[in-house]
Amino acid sequence: MATGLGGAALLTGIVATIGIASAASTYKDNCHDGTCKPDGLDAASRGKTFSLVAPIAFGAAAVGLGTGIYLLVTKPSQATTASAGVSLAGRF
């Protein structure tokens, strides 16, 4: 489960990073000489939001994937797993 959450967080970080690049491009196209068109201002706002989301998502991805990998690597094999049983027998 940790690996799945880490993967989802990684995907979120990638999407946010693409959003940052897209917002930066839109901002550059719409803002010149200290003035911005409305599309440029919207892009700046989106870029700020994505700039907050991306590092948080990548941090969560590192923790989730790291935990998942650790759990997979340290999982005991079936050969080393001990089992116990109880049986009852009787006569009447």
PDB file of N, CA and C in Angstrom:
ATOM      1  N   MET A   1       0.823  -1.188   0.000  1.00  0.00           N
ATOM      2  CA  MET A   1       0.000   0.000   0.000  1.00  0.00           C
ATOM      3  C   MET A   1       0.867   1.251   0.000  1.00  0.00           C
ATOM      4  N   ALA A   2       1.950   1.237   0.752  1.00  0.00           N
ATOM      5  CA  ALA A   2       2.834   2.401   0.801  1.00  0.00           C
ATOM      6  C   ALA A   2       3.428   2.686  -0.568  1.00  0.00           C
ATOM      7  N   THR A   3       3.761   1.632  -1.299  1.00  0.00           N
ATOM      8  CA  THR A   3       4.335   1.809  -2.630  1.00  0.00           C
ATOM      9  C   THR A   3       3.310   2.442  -3.565  1.00  0.00           C
ATOM     10  N   GLY A   4       2.070   2.030  -3.458  1.00  0.00           N
ATOM     11  CA  GLY A   4       1.001   2.605  -4.281  1.00  0.00           C
ATOM     12  C   GLY A   4       0.786   4.078  -3.981  1.00  0.00           C
ATOM     13  N   LEU A   5       0.777   4.424  -2.708  1.00  0.00           N
ATOM     14  CA  LEU A   5       0.631   5.833  -2.328  1.00  0.00           C
ATOM     15  C   LEU A   5       1.833   6.644  -2.798  1.00  0.00           C
ATOM     16  N   GLY A   6       3.014   6.061  -2.688  1.00  0.00           N
ATOM     17  CA  GLY A   6       4.219   6.731  -3.175  1.00  0.00           C
ATOM     18  C   GLY A   6       4.164   6.950  -4.674  1.00  0.00           C
ATOM     19  N   GLY A   7       3.663   5.968  -5.403  1.00  0.00           N
ATOM     20  CA  GLY A   7       3.517   6.100  -6.849  1.00  0.00           C
ATOM     21  C   GLY A   7       2.524   7.188  -7.221  1.00  0.00           C
ATOM     22  N   ALA A   8       1.420   7.255  -6.492  1.00  0.00           N
ATOM     23  CA  ALA A   8       0.423   8.304  -6.743  1.00  0.00           C
ATOM     24  C   ALA A   8       1.009   9.684  -6.456  1.00  0.00           C
ATOM     25  N   ALA A   9       1.775   9.788  -5.382  1.00  0.00           N
ATOM     26  CA  ALA A   9       2.408  11.064  -5.054  1.00  0.00           C
ATOM     27  C   ALA A   9       3.439  11.446  -6.113  1.00  0.00           C
ATOM     28  N   LEU A  10       4.174  10.458  -6.629  1.00  0.00           N
ATOM     29  CA  LEU A  10       5.143  10.728  -7.688  1.00  0.00           C
ATOM     30  C   LEU A  10       4.436  11.253  -8.936  1.00  0.00           C
ATOM     31  N   LEU A  11       3.342  10.634  -9.299  1.00  0.00           N
ATOM     32  CA  LEU A  11       2.572  11.084 -10.451  1.00  0.00           C
ATOM     33  C   LEU A  11       2.061  12.512 -10.234  1.00  0.00           C
ATOM     34  N   THR A  12       1.593  12.810  -9.040  1.00  0.00           N
ATOM     35  CA  THR A  12       1.141  14.160  -8.709  1.00  0.00           C
ATOM     36  C   THR A  12       2.283  15.163  -8.861  1.00  0.00           C
ATOM     37  N   GLY A  13       3.457  14.807  -8.388  1.00  0.00           N
ATOM     38  CA  GLY A  13       4.618  15.686  -8.516  1.00  0.00           C
ATOM     39  C   GLY A  13       4.992  15.939  -9.962  1.00  0.00           C
ATOM     40  N   ILE A  14       4.915  14.907 -10.786  1.00  0.00           N
ATOM     41  CA  ILE A  14       5.233  15.053 -12.210  1.00  0.00           C
ATOM     42  C   ILE A  14       4.219  15.972 -12.888  1.00  0.00           C
ATOM     43  N   VAL A  15       2.934  15.762 -12.608  1.00  0.00           N
ATOM     44  CA  VAL A  15       1.896  16.606 -13.194  1.00  0.00           C
ATOM     45  C   VAL A  15       2.066  18.055 -12.741  1.00  0.00           C
ATOM     46  N   ALA A  16       2.378  18.266 -11.468  1.00  0.00           N
ATOM     47  CA  ALA A  16       2.583  19.624 -10.962  1.00  0.00           C
ATOM     48  C   ALA A  16       3.790  20.276 -11.626  1.00  0.00           C
ATOM     49  N   THR A  17       4.840  19.519 -11.873  1.00  0.00           N
ATOM     50  CA  THR A  17       6.023  20.053 -12.539  1.00  0.00           C
ATOM     51  C   THR A  17       5.704  20.460 -13.977  1.00  0.00           C
ATOM     52  N   ILE A  18       4.916  19.653 -14.659  1.00  0.00           N
ATOM     53  CA  ILE A  18       4.471  20.016 -16.014  1.00  0.00           C
ATOM     54  C   ILE A  18       3.608  21.277 -15.948  1.00  0.00           C
ATOM     55  N   GLY A  19       2.767  21.373 -14.927  1.00  0.00           N
ATOM     56  CA  GLY A  19       1.948  22.573 -14.741  1.00  0.00           C
ATOM     57  C   GLY A  19       2.793  23.817 -14.523  1.00  0.00           C
ATOM     58  N   ILE A  20       3.898  23.678 -13.796  1.00  0.00           N
ATOM     59  CA  ILE A  20       4.809  24.803 -13.580  1.00  0.00           C
ATOM     60  C   ILE A  20       5.387  25.268 -14.915  1.00  0.00           C
ATOM     61  N   ALA A  21       5.846  24.316 -15.722  1.00  0.00           N
ATOM     62  CA  ALA A  21       6.437  24.661 -17.017  1.00  0.00           C
ATOM     63  C   ALA A  21       5.412  25.332 -17.928  1.00  0.00           C
ATOM     64  N   SER A  22       4.204  24.814 -17.933  1.00  0.00           N
ATOM     65  CA  SER A  22       3.146  25.391 -18.763  1.00  0.00           C
ATOM     66  C   SER A  22       2.798  26.807 -18.300  1.00  0.00           C
ATOM     67  N   ALA A  23       2.679  26.993 -16.995  1.00  0.00           N
ATOM     68  CA  ALA A  23       2.360  28.313 -16.450  1.00  0.00           C
ATOM     69  C   ALA A  23       3.477  29.311 -16.746  1.00  0.00           C
ATOM     70  N   ALA A  24       4.708  28.869 -16.654  1.00  0.00           N
ATOM     71  CA  ALA A  24       5.840  29.755 -16.942  1.00  0.00           C
ATOM     72  C   ALA A  24       5.827  30.197 -18.405  1.00  0.00           C
ATOM     73  N   SER A  25       5.517  29.268 -19.287  1.00  0.00           N
ATOM     74  CA  SER A  25       5.455  29.605 -20.709  1.00  0.00           C
ATOM     75  C   SER A  25       4.344  30.613 -20.987  1.00  0.00           C
ATOM     76  N   THR A  26       3.182  30.377 -20.403  1.00  0.00           N
ATOM     77  CA  THR A  26       2.058  31.303 -20.582  1.00  0.00           C
ATOM     78  C   THR A  26       2.395  32.671 -19.998  1.00  0.00           C
ATOM     79  N   TYR A  27       3.040  32.683 -18.849  1.00  0.00           N
ATOM     80  CA  TYR A  27       3.433  33.943 -18.221  1.00  0.00           C
ATOM     81  C   TYR A  27       4.394  34.715 -19.121  1.00  0.00           C
ATOM     82  N   LYS A  28       5.386  34.029 -19.654  1.00  0.00           N
ATOM     83  CA  LYS A  28       6.370  34.698 -20.529  1.00  0.00           C
ATOM     84  C   LYS A  28       5.717  35.264 -21.783  1.00  0.00           C
ATOM     85  N   ASP A  29       4.703  34.570 -22.296  1.00  0.00           N
ATOM     86  CA  ASP A  29       4.021  35.034 -23.499  1.00  0.00           C
ATOM     87  C   ASP A  29       3.105  36.222 -23.233  1.00  0.00           C
ATOM     88  N   ASN A  30       2.658  36.407 -22.004  1.00  0.00           N
ATOM     89  CA  ASN A  30       1.648  37.419 -21.706  1.00  0.00           C
ATOM     90  C   ASN A  30       2.118  38.547 -20.795  1.00  0.00           C
ATOM     91  N   CYS A  31       3.349  38.512 -20.373  1.00  0.00           N
ATOM     92  CA  CYS A  31       3.858  39.557 -19.486  1.00  0.00           C
ATOM     93  C   CYS A  31       5.150  40.132 -20.070  1.00  0.00           C
ATOM     94  N   HIS A  32       5.135  41.439 -20.330  1.00  0.00           N
ATOM     95  CA  HIS A  32       6.294  42.112 -20.902  1.00  0.00           C
ATOM     96  C   HIS A  32       6.411  43.514 -20.309  1.00  0.00           C
ATOM     97  N   ASP A  33       7.611  43.955 -20.075  1.00  0.00           N
ATOM     98  CA  ASP A  33       7.894  45.322 -19.631  1.00  0.00           C
ATOM     99  C   ASP A  33       7.097  45.718 -18.393  1.00  0.00           C
ATOM    100  N   GLY A  34       6.928  44.805 -17.463  1.00  0.00           N
ATOM    101  CA  GLY A  34       6.250  45.110 -16.201  1.00  0.00           C
ATOM    102  C   GLY A  34       4.735  45.115 -16.272  1.00  0.00           C
ATOM    103  N   THR A  35       4.154  44.767 -17.406  1.00  0.00           N
ATOM    104  CA  THR A  35       2.697  44.682 -17.504  1.00  0.00           C
ATOM    105  C   THR A  35       2.312  43.270 -17.922  1.00  0.00           C
ATOM    106  N   CYS A  36       1.176  42.812 -17.400  1.00  0.00           N
ATOM    107  CA  CYS A  36       0.694  41.461 -17.708  1.00  0.00           C
ATOM    108  C   CYS A  36      -0.747  41.519 -18.179  1.00  0.00           C
ATOM    109  N   LYS A  37      -1.036  40.692 -19.163  1.00  0.00           N
ATOM    110  CA  LYS A  37      -2.421  40.478 -19.586  1.00  0.00           C
ATOM    111  C   LYS A  37      -3.073  39.562 -18.545  1.00  0.00           C
ATOM    112  N   PRO A  38      -4.400  39.500 -18.529  1.00  0.00           N
ATOM    113  CA  PRO A  38      -5.070  38.621 -17.559  1.00  0.00           C
ATOM    114  C   PRO A  38      -4.590  37.163 -17.611  1.00  0.00           C
ATOM    115  N   ASP A  39      -4.310  36.648 -18.805  1.00  0.00           N
ATOM    116  CA  ASP A  39      -3.817  35.266 -18.910  1.00  0.00           C
ATOM    117  C   ASP A  39      -2.469  35.107 -18.205  1.00  0.00           C
ATOM    118  N   GLY A  40      -1.637  36.127 -18.267  1.00  0.00           N
ATOM    119  CA  GLY A  40      -0.340  36.091 -17.592  1.00  0.00           C
ATOM    120  C   GLY A  40      -0.487  36.083 -16.086  1.00  0.00           C
ATOM    121  N   LEU A  41      -1.430  36.871 -15.582  1.00  0.00           N
ATOM    122  CA  LEU A  41      -1.679  36.899 -14.129  1.00  0.00           C
ATOM    123  C   LEU A  41      -2.237  35.563 -13.645  1.00  0.00           C
ATOM    124  N   ASP A  42      -3.149  34.972 -14.428  1.00  0.00           N
ATOM    125  CA  ASP A  42      -3.683  33.649 -14.070  1.00  0.00           C
ATOM    126  C   ASP A  42      -2.579  32.598 -14.067  1.00  0.00           C
ATOM    127  N   ALA A  43      -1.688  32.680 -15.051  1.00  0.00           N
ATOM    128  CA  ALA A  43      -0.586  31.728 -15.126  1.00  0.00           C
ATOM    129  C   ALA A  43       0.349  31.875 -13.930  1.00  0.00           C
ATOM    130  N   ALA A  44       0.581  33.097 -13.496  1.00  0.00           N
ATOM    131  CA  ALA A  44       1.437  33.328 -12.327  1.00  0.00           C
ATOM    132  C   ALA A  44       0.812  32.702 -11.079  1.00  0.00           C
ATOM    133  N   SER A  45      -0.494  32.843 -10.953  1.00  0.00           N
ATOM    134  CA  SER A  45      -1.183  32.254  -9.802  1.00  0.00           C
ATOM    135  C   SER A  45      -1.117  30.724  -9.839  1.00  0.00           C
ATOM    136  N   ARG A  46      -1.361  30.146 -11.021  1.00  0.00           N
ATOM    137  CA  ARG A  46      -1.276  28.682 -11.163  1.00  0.00           C
ATOM    138  C   ARG A  46       0.139  28.195 -10.876  1.00  0.00           C
ATOM    139  N   GLY A  47       1.112  28.930 -11.376  1.00  0.00           N
ATOM    140  CA  GLY A  47       2.508  28.550 -11.160  1.00  0.00           C
ATOM    141  C   GLY A  47       2.866  28.530  -9.683  1.00  0.00           C
ATOM    142  N   LYS A  48       2.361  29.503  -8.922  1.00  0.00           N
ATOM    143  CA  LYS A  48       2.622  29.525  -7.478  1.00  0.00           C
ATOM    144  C   LYS A  48       2.018  28.302  -6.796  1.00  0.00           C
ATOM    145  N   THR A  49       0.801  27.954  -7.186  1.00  0.00           N
ATOM    146  CA  THR A  49       0.138  26.790  -6.591  1.00  0.00           C
ATOM    147  C   THR A  49       0.908  25.509  -6.914  1.00  0.00           C
ATOM    148  N   PHE A  50       1.246  25.336  -8.187  1.00  0.00           N
ATOM    149  CA  PHE A  50       2.002  24.141  -8.585  1.00  0.00           C
ATOM    150  C   PHE A  50       3.382  24.101  -7.922  1.00  0.00           C
ATOM    151  N   SER A  51       3.969  25.267  -7.703  1.00  0.00           N
ATOM    152  CA  SER A  51       5.290  25.329  -7.057  1.00  0.00           C
ATOM    153  C   SER A  51       5.223  24.905  -5.593  1.00  0.00           C
ATOM    154  N   LEU A  52       4.061  25.017  -4.997  1.00  0.00           N
ATOM    155  CA  LEU A  52       3.872  24.536  -3.631  1.00  0.00           C
ATOM    156  C   LEU A  52       3.592  23.032  -3.619  1.00  0.00           C
ATOM    157  N   VAL A  53       2.779  22.579  -4.561  1.00  0.00           N
ATOM    158  CA  VAL A  53       2.351  21.178  -4.603  1.00  0.00           C
ATOM    159  C   VAL A  53       3.496  20.234  -4.980  1.00  0.00           C
ATOM    160  N   ALA A  54       4.300  20.613  -5.969  1.00  0.00           N
ATOM    161  CA  ALA A  54       5.319  19.712  -6.508  1.00  0.00           C
ATOM    162  C   ALA A  54       6.309  19.204  -5.455  1.00  0.00           C
ATOM    163  N   PRO A  55       6.962  20.060  -4.665  1.00  0.00           N
ATOM    164  CA  PRO A  55       7.929  19.516  -3.709  1.00  0.00           C
ATOM    165  C   PRO A  55       7.284  18.685  -2.599  1.00  0.00           C
ATOM    166  N   ILE A  56       6.073  19.049  -2.209  1.00  0.00           N
ATOM    167  CA  ILE A  56       5.374  18.258  -1.194  1.00  0.00           C
ATOM    168  C   ILE A  56       5.072  16.861  -1.753  1.00  0.00           C
ATOM    169  N   ALA A  57       4.599  16.820  -2.996  1.00  0.00           N
ATOM    170  CA  ALA A  57       4.281  15.535  -3.625  1.00  0.00           C
ATOM    171  C   ALA A  57       5.529  14.680  -3.791  1.00  0.00           C
ATOM    172  N   PHE A  58       6.640  15.293  -4.221  1.00  0.00           N
ATOM    173  CA  PHE A  58       7.869  14.516  -4.390  1.00  0.00           C
ATOM    174  C   PHE A  58       8.395  14.018  -3.040  1.00  0.00           C
ATOM    175  N   GLY A  59       8.237  14.804  -1.991  1.00  0.00           N
ATOM    176  CA  GLY A  59       8.636  14.347  -0.655  1.00  0.00           C
ATOM    177  C   GLY A  59       7.791  13.173  -0.189  1.00  0.00           C
ATOM    178  N   ALA A  60       6.478  13.274  -0.416  1.00  0.00           N
ATOM    179  CA  ALA A  60       5.586  12.169  -0.052  1.00  0.00           C
ATOM    180  C   ALA A  60       5.902  10.926  -0.881  1.00  0.00           C
ATOM    181  N   ALA A  61       6.266  11.128  -2.142  1.00  0.00           N
ATOM    182  CA  ALA A  61       6.637   9.997  -3.003  1.00  0.00           C
ATOM    183  C   ALA A  61       7.883   9.299  -2.471  1.00  0.00           C
ATOM    184  N   ALA A  62       8.861  10.087  -2.051  1.00  0.00           N
ATOM    185  CA  ALA A  62      10.093   9.490  -1.523  1.00  0.00           C
ATOM    186  C   ALA A  62       9.806   8.665  -0.275  1.00  0.00           C
ATOM    187  N   VAL A  63       8.974   9.196   0.607  1.00  0.00           N
ATOM    188  CA  VAL A  63       8.645   8.472   1.838  1.00  0.00           C
ATOM    189  C   VAL A  63       7.838   7.207   1.515  1.00  0.00           C
ATOM    190  N   GLY A  64       6.817   7.347   0.677  1.00  0.00           N
ATOM    191  CA  GLY A  64       5.968   6.203   0.342  1.00  0.00           C
ATOM    192  C   GLY A  64       6.715   5.111  -0.399  1.00  0.00           C
ATOM    193  N   LEU A  65       7.471   5.499  -1.426  1.00  0.00           N
ATOM    194  CA  LEU A  65       8.220   4.491  -2.182  1.00  0.00           C
ATOM    195  C   LEU A  65       9.332   3.877  -1.335  1.00  0.00           C
ATOM    196  N   GLY A  66       9.990   4.700  -0.540  1.00  0.00           N
ATOM    197  CA  GLY A  66      11.044   4.179   0.332  1.00  0.00           C
ATOM    198  C   GLY A  66      10.499   3.182   1.344  1.00  0.00           C
ATOM    199  N   THR A  67       9.365   3.523   1.937  1.00  0.00           N
ATOM    200  CA  THR A  67       8.740   2.616   2.908  1.00  0.00           C
ATOM    201  C   THR A  67       8.292   1.326   2.232  1.00  0.00           C
ATOM    202  N   GLY A  68       7.672   1.454   1.071  1.00  0.00           N
ATOM    203  CA  GLY A  68       7.213   0.267   0.354  1.00  0.00           C
ATOM    204  C   GLY A  68       8.355  -0.653  -0.038  1.00  0.00           C
ATOM    205  N   ILE A  69       9.432  -0.076  -0.534  1.00  0.00           N
ATOM    206  CA  ILE A  69      10.599  -0.886  -0.911  1.00  0.00           C
ATOM    207  C   ILE A  69      11.208  -1.548   0.318  1.00  0.00           C
ATOM    208  N   TYR A  70      11.310  -0.802   1.413  1.00  0.00           N
ATOM    209  CA  TYR A  70      11.848  -1.376   2.652  1.00  0.00           C
ATOM    210  C   TYR A  70      11.001  -2.563   3.105  1.00  0.00           C
ATOM    211  N   LEU A  71       9.693  -2.410   3.071  1.00  0.00           N
ATOM    212  CA  LEU A  71       8.813  -3.499   3.503  1.00  0.00           C
ATOM    213  C   LEU A  71       8.933  -4.716   2.583  1.00  0.00           C
ATOM    214  N   LEU A  72       9.099  -4.473   1.289  1.00  0.00           N
ATOM    215  CA  LEU A  72       9.270  -5.603   0.366  1.00  0.00           C
ATOM    216  C   LEU A  72      10.600  -6.316   0.588  1.00  0.00           C
ATOM    217  N   VAL A  73      11.651  -5.556   0.835  1.00  0.00           N
ATOM    218  CA  VAL A  73      12.984  -6.143   1.004  1.00  0.00           C
ATOM    219  C   VAL A  73      13.096  -6.895   2.325  1.00  0.00           C
ATOM    220  N   THR A  74      12.466  -6.399   3.365  1.00  0.00           N
ATOM    221  CA  THR A  74      12.595  -7.020   4.684  1.00  0.00           C
ATOM    222  C   THR A  74      11.488  -8.032   4.981  1.00  0.00           C
ATOM    223  N   LYS A  75      10.616  -8.291   4.030  1.00  0.00           N
ATOM    224  CA  LYS A  75       9.536  -9.261   4.235  1.00  0.00           C
ATOM    225  C   LYS A  75      10.141 -10.652   4.396  1.00  0.00           C
ATOM    226  N   PRO A  76       9.770 -11.359   5.450  1.00  0.00           N
ATOM    227  CA  PRO A  76      10.327 -12.705   5.632  1.00  0.00           C
ATOM    228  C   PRO A  76       9.815 -13.647   4.536  1.00  0.00           C
ATOM    229  N   SER A  77      10.693 -14.536   4.104  1.00  0.00           N
ATOM    230  CA  SER A  77      10.283 -15.501   3.084  1.00  0.00           C
ATOM    231  C   SER A  77       9.419 -16.577   3.736  1.00  0.00           C
ATOM    232  N   GLN A  78       8.699 -17.310   2.920  1.00  0.00           N
ATOM    233  CA  GLN A  78       7.832 -18.361   3.455  1.00  0.00           C
ATOM    234  C   GLN A  78       8.632 -19.488   4.092  1.00  0.00           C
ATOM    235  N   ALA A  79       9.843 -19.696   3.636  1.00  0.00           N
ATOM    236  CA  ALA A  79      10.673 -20.772   4.179  1.00  0.00           C
ATOM    237  C   ALA A  79      11.081 -20.480   5.620  1.00  0.00           C
ATOM    238  N   THR A  80      11.215 -19.205   5.972  1.00  0.00           N
ATOM    239  CA  THR A  80      11.640 -18.866   7.326  1.00  0.00           C
ATOM    240  C   THR A  80      10.474 -18.559   8.249  1.00  0.00           C
ATOM    241  N   THR A  81       9.280 -18.575   7.731  1.00  0.00           N
ATOM    242  CA  THR A  81       8.119 -18.284   8.559  1.00  0.00           C
ATOM    243  C   THR A  81       7.778 -19.509   9.398  1.00  0.00           C
ATOM    244  N   ALA A  82       7.693 -19.321  10.678  1.00  0.00           N
ATOM    245  CA  ALA A  82       7.363 -20.421  11.586  1.00  0.00           C
ATOM    246  C   ALA A  82       5.829 -20.544  11.677  1.00  0.00           C
ATOM    247  N   SER A  83       5.403 -21.773  11.843  1.00  0.00           N
ATOM    248  CA  SER A  83       3.962 -21.973  12.028  1.00  0.00           C
ATOM    249  C   SER A  83       3.760 -22.884  13.226  1.00  0.00           C
ATOM    250  N   ALA A  84       2.635 -22.744  13.839  1.00  0.00           N
ATOM    251  CA  ALA A  84       2.296 -23.563  14.998  1.00  0.00           C
ATOM    252  C   ALA A  84       0.864 -24.061  14.831  1.00  0.00           C
ATOM    253  N   GLY A  85       0.582 -25.185  15.427  1.00  0.00           N
ATOM    254  CA  GLY A  85      -0.766 -25.720  15.334  1.00  0.00           C
ATOM    255  C   GLY A  85      -1.137 -26.473  16.597  1.00  0.00           C
ATOM    256  N   VAL A  86      -2.415 -26.611  16.795  1.00  0.00           N
ATOM    257  CA  VAL A  86      -2.913 -27.342  17.956  1.00  0.00           C
ATOM    258  C   VAL A  86      -3.939 -28.345  17.437  1.00  0.00           C
ATOM    259  N   SER A  87      -3.857 -29.557  17.983  1.00  0.00           N
ATOM    260  CA  SER A  87      -4.872 -30.545  17.611  1.00  0.00           C
ATOM    261  C   SER A  87      -5.394 -31.206  18.875  1.00  0.00           C
ATOM    262  N   LEU A  88      -6.629 -31.567  18.816  1.00  0.00           N
ATOM    263  CA  LEU A  88      -7.275 -32.248  19.939  1.00  0.00           C
ATOM    264  C   LEU A  88      -7.787 -33.604  19.457  1.00  0.00           C
ATOM    265  N   ALA A  89      -7.581 -34.587  20.276  1.00  0.00           N
ATOM    266  CA  ALA A  89      -8.082 -35.931  19.961  1.00  0.00           C
ATOM    267  C   ALA A  89      -8.651 -36.534  21.222  1.00  0.00           C
ATOM    268  N   GLY A  90      -9.643 -37.298  21.068  1.00  0.00           N
ATOM    269  CA  GLY A  90     -10.225 -37.913  22.252  1.00  0.00           C
ATOM    270  C   GLY A  90     -11.086 -39.118  21.872  1.00  0.00           C
ATOM    271  N   ARG A  91     -11.441 -39.927  22.920  1.00  0.00           N
ATOM    272  CA  ARG A  91     -12.314 -41.090  22.715  1.00  0.00           C
ATOM    273  C   ARG A  91     -13.459 -41.001  23.693  1.00  0.00           C
ATOM    274  N   PHE A  92     -14.558 -41.507  23.253  1.00  0.00           N
ATOM    275  CA  PHE A  92     -15.733 -41.556  24.120  1.00  0.00           C
ATOM    276  C   PHE A  92     -16.220 -42.957  24.254  1.00  0.00           C
TER     277      PHE A  92
END
